[in-house]
Amino acid sequence: MEMSVDIYQCGSKHIHVILHGDAEGLAAFTDYESFIKFVEACQEFISNRAQVPEAFLDAFKNEGNPR
């Protein structure tokens, strides 16, 4: 995967995130607190995606071996 991220803070305190490569786009945040909320939401998404769903684990467990 080829991707780069540029993050800039303008004099007006706006923060700009620019994605290049496999992910493309621009996000502009009005202030630092908005940017923090965005980063926290990304971290929560990553944490939740890292967990294997229980239904998936149950599909592969043996009758005599619970895991």
PDB file of N, CA and C in Angstrom:
ATOM      1  N   MET A   1       0.846  -1.166   0.000  1.00  0.00           N
ATOM      2  CA  MET A   1       0.000   0.000   0.000  1.00  0.00           C
ATOM      3  C   MET A   1       0.895   1.234   0.000  1.00  0.00           C
ATOM      4  N   GLU A   2       0.642   2.105  -0.897  1.00  0.00           N
ATOM      5  CA  GLU A   2       1.369   3.371  -0.991  1.00  0.00           C
ATOM      6  C   GLU A   2       0.440   4.495  -0.557  1.00  0.00           C
ATOM      7  N   MET A   3       0.801   5.144   0.521  1.00  0.00           N
ATOM      8  CA  MET A   3      -0.030   6.230   1.009  1.00  0.00           C
ATOM      9  C   MET A   3       0.823   7.214   1.780  1.00  0.00           C
ATOM     10  N   SER A   4       0.480   8.474   1.662  1.00  0.00           N
ATOM     11  CA  SER A   4       1.134   9.486   2.489  1.00  0.00           C
ATOM     12  C   SER A   4       0.066  10.437   3.015  1.00  0.00           C
ATOM     13  N   VAL A   5       0.351  11.025   4.155  1.00  0.00           N
ATOM     14  CA  VAL A   5      -0.581  11.942   4.799  1.00  0.00           C
ATOM     15  C   VAL A   5       0.165  13.225   5.131  1.00  0.00           C
ATOM     16  N   ASP A   6      -0.384  14.344   4.708  1.00  0.00           N
ATOM     17  CA  ASP A   6       0.168  15.652   5.050  1.00  0.00           C
ATOM     18  C   ASP A   6      -0.814  16.343   5.978  1.00  0.00           C
ATOM     19  N   ILE A   7      -0.315  16.880   7.091  1.00  0.00           N
ATOM     20  CA  ILE A   7      -1.156  17.600   8.046  1.00  0.00           C
ATOM     21  C   ILE A   7      -0.556  18.992   8.236  1.00  0.00           C
ATOM     22  N   TYR A   8      -1.391  19.998   8.020  1.00  0.00           N
ATOM     23  CA  TYR A   8      -0.954  21.390   8.137  1.00  0.00           C
ATOM     24  C   TYR A   8      -1.887  22.150   9.059  1.00  0.00           C
ATOM     25  N   GLN A   9      -1.350  23.106   9.808  1.00  0.00           N
ATOM     26  CA  GLN A   9      -2.185  24.022  10.576  1.00  0.00           C
ATOM     27  C   GLN A   9      -1.976  25.419  10.013  1.00  0.00           C
ATOM     28  N   CYS A  10      -3.064  26.030   9.593  1.00  0.00           N
ATOM     29  CA  CYS A  10      -3.010  27.368   9.013  1.00  0.00           C
ATOM     30  C   CYS A  10      -2.968  28.416  10.118  1.00  0.00           C
ATOM     31  N   GLY A  11      -2.660  29.636   9.744  1.00  0.00           N
ATOM     32  CA  GLY A  11      -2.633  30.742  10.691  1.00  0.00           C
ATOM     33  C   GLY A  11      -3.976  30.975  11.347  1.00  0.00           C
ATOM     34  N   SER A  12      -5.053  30.580  10.672  1.00  0.00           N
ATOM     35  CA  SER A  12      -6.397  30.763  11.227  1.00  0.00           C
ATOM     36  C   SER A  12      -6.793  29.612  12.150  1.00  0.00           C
ATOM     37  N   LYS A  13      -5.825  28.760  12.510  1.00  0.00           N
ATOM     38  CA  LYS A  13      -6.008  27.613  13.403  1.00  0.00           C
ATOM     39  C   LYS A  13      -6.753  26.457  12.760  1.00  0.00           C
ATOM     40  N   HIS A  14      -7.069  26.567  11.466  1.00  0.00           N
ATOM     41  CA  HIS A  14      -7.657  25.441  10.760  1.00  0.00           C
ATOM     42  C   HIS A  14      -6.592  24.371  10.551  1.00  0.00           C
ATOM     43  N   ILE A  15      -6.995  23.117  10.629  1.00  0.00           N
ATOM     44  CA  ILE A  15      -6.075  22.004  10.380  1.00  0.00           C
ATOM     45  C   ILE A  15      -6.541  21.297   9.117  1.00  0.00           C
ATOM     46  N   HIS A  16      -5.607  21.073   8.213  1.00  0.00           N
ATOM     47  CA  HIS A  16      -5.899  20.401   6.950  1.00  0.00           C
ATOM     48  C   HIS A  16      -5.150  19.082   6.898  1.00  0.00           C
ATOM     49  N   VAL A  17      -5.883  18.014   6.553  1.00  0.00           N
ATOM     50  CA  VAL A  17      -5.305  16.685   6.389  1.00  0.00           C
ATOM     51  C   VAL A  17      -5.482  16.316   4.918  1.00  0.00           C
ATOM     52  N   ILE A  18      -4.368  16.019   4.251  1.00  0.00           N
ATOM     53  CA  ILE A  18      -4.406  15.679   2.833  1.00  0.00           C
ATOM     54  C   ILE A  18      -3.868  14.267   2.663  1.00  0.00           C
ATOM     55  N   LEU A  19      -4.675  13.403   2.034  1.00  0.00           N
ATOM     56  CA  LEU A  19      -4.294  12.015   1.795  1.00  0.00           C
ATOM     57  C   LEU A  19      -3.885  11.839   0.340  1.00  0.00           C
ATOM     58  N   HIS A  20      -2.815  11.086   0.124  1.00  0.00           N
ATOM     59  CA  HIS A  20      -2.313  10.816  -1.226  1.00  0.00           C
ATOM     60  C   HIS A  20      -2.104   9.314  -1.383  1.00  0.00           C
ATOM     61  N   GLY A  21      -2.204   8.821  -2.588  1.00  0.00           N
ATOM     62  CA  GLY A  21      -1.906   7.418  -2.854  1.00  0.00           C
ATOM     63  C   GLY A  21      -3.156   6.564  -2.826  1.00  0.00           C
ATOM     64  N   ASP A  22      -3.086   5.422  -2.098  1.00  0.00           N
ATOM     65  CA  ASP A  22      -4.218   4.503  -2.030  1.00  0.00           C
ATOM     66  C   ASP A  22      -5.436   5.128  -1.356  1.00  0.00           C
ATOM     67  N   ALA A  23      -5.215   6.123  -0.530  1.00  0.00           N
ATOM     68  CA  ALA A  23      -6.307   6.895   0.065  1.00  0.00           C
ATOM     69  C   ALA A  23      -6.140   8.326  -0.433  1.00  0.00           C
ATOM     70  N   GLU A  24      -7.220   8.899  -0.933  1.00  0.00           N
ATOM     71  CA  GLU A  24      -7.133  10.258  -1.455  1.00  0.00           C
ATOM     72  C   GLU A  24      -8.239  11.111  -0.860  1.00  0.00           C
ATOM     73  N   GLY A  25      -7.921  12.345  -0.578  1.00  0.00           N
ATOM     74  CA  GLY A  25      -8.950  13.246  -0.089  1.00  0.00           C
ATOM     75  C   GLY A  25      -8.370  14.356   0.755  1.00  0.00           C
ATOM     76  N   LEU A  26      -9.262  15.195   1.233  1.00  0.00           N
ATOM     77  CA  LEU A  26      -8.893  16.338   2.055  1.00  0.00           C
ATOM     78  C   LEU A  26      -9.933  16.495   3.143  1.00  0.00           C
ATOM     79  N   ALA A  27      -9.473  16.721   4.341  1.00  0.00           N
ATOM     80  CA  ALA A  27     -10.367  17.042   5.453  1.00  0.00           C
ATOM     81  C   ALA A  27      -9.859  18.334   6.062  1.00  0.00           C
ATOM     82  N   ALA A  28     -10.774  19.258   6.325  1.00  0.00           N
ATOM     83  CA  ALA A  28     -10.418  20.536   6.948  1.00  0.00           C
ATOM     84  C   ALA A  28     -11.192  20.646   8.255  1.00  0.00           C
ATOM     85  N   PHE A  29     -10.472  20.898   9.337  1.00  0.00           N
ATOM     86  CA  PHE A  29     -11.061  21.005  10.663  1.00  0.00           C
ATOM     87  C   PHE A  29     -10.985  22.459  11.110  1.00  0.00           C
ATOM     88  N   THR A  30     -12.048  22.935  11.723  1.00  0.00           N
ATOM     89  CA  THR A  30     -12.102  24.345  12.101  1.00  0.00           C
ATOM     90  C   THR A  30     -11.198  24.685  13.270  1.00  0.00           C
ATOM     91  N   ASP A  31     -10.885  23.668  14.086  1.00  0.00           N
ATOM     92  CA  ASP A  31     -10.011  23.921  15.235  1.00  0.00           C
ATOM     93  C   ASP A  31      -9.370  22.609  15.690  1.00  0.00           C
ATOM     94  N   TYR A  32      -8.480  22.747  16.643  1.00  0.00           N
ATOM     95  CA  TYR A  32      -7.717  21.604  17.140  1.00  0.00           C
ATOM     96  C   TYR A  32      -8.628  20.577  17.808  1.00  0.00           C
ATOM     97  N   GLU A  33      -9.643  21.030  18.543  1.00  0.00           N
ATOM     98  CA  GLU A  33     -10.559  20.111  19.230  1.00  0.00           C
ATOM     99  C   GLU A  33     -11.321  19.234  18.242  1.00  0.00           C
ATOM    100  N   SER A  34     -11.726  19.786  17.131  1.00  0.00           N
ATOM    101  CA  SER A  34     -12.417  19.000  16.094  1.00  0.00           C
ATOM    102  C   SER A  34     -11.486  17.940  15.525  1.00  0.00           C
ATOM    103  N   PHE A  35     -10.247  18.307  15.325  1.00  0.00           N
ATOM    104  CA  PHE A  35      -9.251  17.362  14.811  1.00  0.00           C
ATOM    105  C   PHE A  35      -9.032  16.228  15.816  1.00  0.00           C
ATOM    106  N   ILE A  36      -8.969  16.559  17.107  1.00  0.00           N
ATOM    107  CA  ILE A  36      -8.790  15.547  18.151  1.00  0.00           C
ATOM    108  C   ILE A  36      -9.962  14.559  18.133  1.00  0.00           C
ATOM    109  N   LYS A  37     -11.182  15.052  17.996  1.00  0.00           N
ATOM    110  CA  LYS A  37     -12.349  14.171  17.938  1.00  0.00           C
ATOM    111  C   LYS A  37     -12.257  13.226  16.749  1.00  0.00           C
ATOM    112  N   PHE A  38     -11.782  13.730  15.615  1.00  0.00           N
ATOM    113  CA  PHE A  38     -11.609  12.904  14.423  1.00  0.00           C
ATOM    114  C   PHE A  38     -10.590  11.797  14.672  1.00  0.00           C
ATOM    115  N   VAL A  39      -9.451  12.151  15.263  1.00  0.00           N
ATOM    116  CA  VAL A  39      -8.397  11.170  15.545  1.00  0.00           C
ATOM    117  C   VAL A  39      -8.906  10.124  16.542  1.00  0.00           C
ATOM    118  N   GLU A  40      -9.634  10.550  17.565  1.00  0.00           N
ATOM    119  CA  GLU A  40     -10.197   9.614  18.540  1.00  0.00           C
ATOM    120  C   GLU A  40     -11.172   8.650  17.873  1.00  0.00           C
ATOM    121  N   ALA A  41     -11.994   9.151  16.952  1.00  0.00           N
ATOM    122  CA  ALA A  41     -12.935   8.288  16.240  1.00  0.00           C
ATOM    123  C   ALA A  41     -12.180   7.267  15.381  1.00  0.00           C
ATOM    124  N   CYS A  42     -11.082   7.691  14.768  1.00  0.00           N
ATOM    125  CA  CYS A  42     -10.259   6.768  13.979  1.00  0.00           C
ATOM    126  C   CYS A  42      -9.654   5.690  14.874  1.00  0.00           C
ATOM    127  N   GLN A  43      -9.158   6.093  16.047  1.00  0.00           N
ATOM    128  CA  GLN A  43      -8.567   5.134  16.980  1.00  0.00           C
ATOM    129  C   GLN A  43      -9.606   4.133  17.465  1.00  0.00           C
ATOM    130  N   GLU A  44     -10.811   4.591  17.750  1.00  0.00           N
ATOM    131  CA  GLU A  44     -11.880   3.691  18.193  1.00  0.00           C
ATOM    132  C   GLU A  44     -12.234   2.707  17.087  1.00  0.00           C
ATOM    133  N   PHE A  45     -12.324   3.182  15.855  1.00  0.00           N
ATOM    134  CA  PHE A  45     -12.629   2.313  14.718  1.00  0.00           C
ATOM    135  C   PHE A  45     -11.568   1.230  14.574  1.00  0.00           C
ATOM    136  N   ILE A  46     -10.303   1.622  14.666  1.00  0.00           N
ATOM    137  CA  ILE A  46      -9.204   0.659  14.543  1.00  0.00           C
ATOM    138  C   ILE A  46      -9.272  -0.366  15.667  1.00  0.00           C
ATOM    139  N   SER A  47      -9.517   0.080  16.877  1.00  0.00           N
ATOM    140  CA  SER A  47      -9.610  -0.835  18.021  1.00  0.00           C
ATOM    141  C   SER A  47     -10.743  -1.839  17.842  1.00  0.00           C
ATOM    142  N   ASN A  48     -11.891  -1.380  17.397  1.00  0.00           N
ATOM    143  CA  ASN A  48     -13.042  -2.263  17.215  1.00  0.00           C
ATOM    144  C   ASN A  48     -12.838  -3.227  16.055  1.00  0.00           C
ATOM    145  N   ARG A  49     -12.153  -2.798  15.018  1.00  0.00           N
ATOM    146  CA  ARG A  49     -11.906  -3.662  13.856  1.00  0.00           C
ATOM    147  C   ARG A  49     -10.875  -4.733  14.169  1.00  0.00           C
ATOM    148  N   ALA A  50     -10.017  -4.484  15.156  1.00  0.00           N
ATOM    149  CA  ALA A  50      -8.974  -5.443  15.497  1.00  0.00           C
ATOM    150  C   ALA A  50      -9.543  -6.648  16.244  1.00  0.00           C
ATOM    151  N   GLN A  51     -10.749  -6.537  16.768  1.00  0.00           N
ATOM    152  CA  GLN A  51     -11.370  -7.629  17.497  1.00  0.00           C
ATOM    153  C   GLN A  51     -12.080  -8.558  16.531  1.00  0.00           C
ATOM    154  N   VAL A  52     -11.861  -9.848  16.723  1.00  0.00           N
ATOM    155  CA  VAL A  52     -12.532 -10.838  15.885  1.00  0.00           C
ATOM    156  C   VAL A  52     -13.946 -11.022  16.423  1.00  0.00           C
ATOM    157  N   PRO A  53     -14.964 -10.906  15.566  1.00  0.00           N
ATOM    158  CA  PRO A  53     -16.343 -11.064  16.032  1.00  0.00           C
ATOM    159  C   PRO A  53     -16.588 -12.436  16.656  1.00  0.00           C
ATOM    160  N   GLU A  54     -17.333 -12.484  17.728  1.00  0.00           N
ATOM    161  CA  GLU A  54     -17.617 -13.725  18.460  1.00  0.00           C
ATOM    162  C   GLU A  54     -18.257 -14.778  17.552  1.00  0.00           C
ATOM    163  N   ALA A  55     -19.145 -14.361  16.659  1.00  0.00           N
ATOM    164  CA  ALA A  55     -19.811 -15.307  15.755  1.00  0.00           C
ATOM    165  C   ALA A  55     -18.787 -16.017  14.866  1.00  0.00           C
ATOM    166  N   PHE A  56     -17.759 -15.301  14.459  1.00  0.00           N
ATOM    167  CA  PHE A  56     -16.703 -15.903  13.630  1.00  0.00           C
ATOM    168  C   PHE A  56     -15.930 -16.936  14.436  1.00  0.00           C
ATOM    169  N   LEU A  57     -15.577 -16.602  15.678  1.00  0.00           N
ATOM    170  CA  LEU A  57     -14.858 -17.549  16.529  1.00  0.00           C
ATOM    171  C   LEU A  57     -15.708 -18.784  16.806  1.00  0.00           C
ATOM    172  N   ASP A  58     -16.988 -18.596  17.067  1.00  0.00           N
ATOM    173  CA  ASP A  58     -17.890 -19.710  17.341  1.00  0.00           C
ATOM    174  C   ASP A  58     -18.004 -20.657  16.156  1.00  0.00           C
ATOM    175  N   ALA A  59     -17.921 -20.134  14.961  1.00  0.00           N
ATOM    176  CA  ALA A  59     -18.046 -20.967  13.764  1.00  0.00           C
ATOM    177  C   ALA A  59     -16.891 -21.944  13.626  1.00  0.00           C
ATOM    178  N   PHE A  60     -15.748 -21.652  14.245  1.00  0.00           N
ATOM    179  CA  PHE A  60     -14.573 -22.498  14.091  1.00  0.00           C
ATOM    180  C   PHE A  60     -14.197 -23.290  15.336  1.00  0.00           C
ATOM    181  N   LYS A  61     -14.954 -23.178  16.413  1.00  0.00           N
ATOM    182  CA  LYS A  61     -14.587 -23.935  17.610  1.00  0.00           C
ATOM    183  C   LYS A  61     -15.088 -25.368  17.498  1.00  0.00           C
ATOM    184  N   ASN A  62     -14.323 -26.287  18.090  1.00  0.00           N
ATOM    185  CA  ASN A  62     -14.680 -27.712  18.090  1.00  0.00           C
ATOM    186  C   ASN A  62     -15.705 -27.972  19.170  1.00  0.00           C
ATOM    187  N   GLU A  63     -16.470 -29.039  18.986  1.00  0.00           N
ATOM    188  CA  GLU A  63     -17.470 -29.416  20.002  1.00  0.00           C
ATOM    189  C   GLU A  63     -16.814 -29.647  21.356  1.00  0.00           C
ATOM    190  N   GLY A  64     -15.673 -30.368  21.396  1.00  0.00           N
ATOM    191  CA  GLY A  64     -15.032 -30.692  22.646  1.00  0.00           C
ATOM    192  C   GLY A  64     -14.041 -29.632  23.110  1.00  0.00           C
ATOM    193  N   ASN A  65     -13.678 -28.703  22.264  1.00  0.00           N
ATOM    194  CA  ASN A  65     -12.692 -27.672  22.587  1.00  0.00           C
ATOM    195  C   ASN A  65     -13.344 -26.312  22.395  1.00  0.00           C
ATOM    196  N   PRO A  66     -13.660 -25.613  23.498  1.00  0.00           N
ATOM    197  CA  PRO A  66     -14.360 -24.342  23.361  1.00  0.00           C
ATOM    198  C   PRO A  66     -13.581 -23.275  22.598  1.00  0.00           C
ATOM    199  N   ARG A  67     -12.270 -23.391  22.465  1.00  0.00           N
ATOM    200  CA  ARG A  67     -11.464 -22.460  21.653  1.00  0.00           C
ATOM    201  C   ARG A  67     -10.167 -23.040  21.389  1.00  0.00           C
TER     202      ARG A  67
END
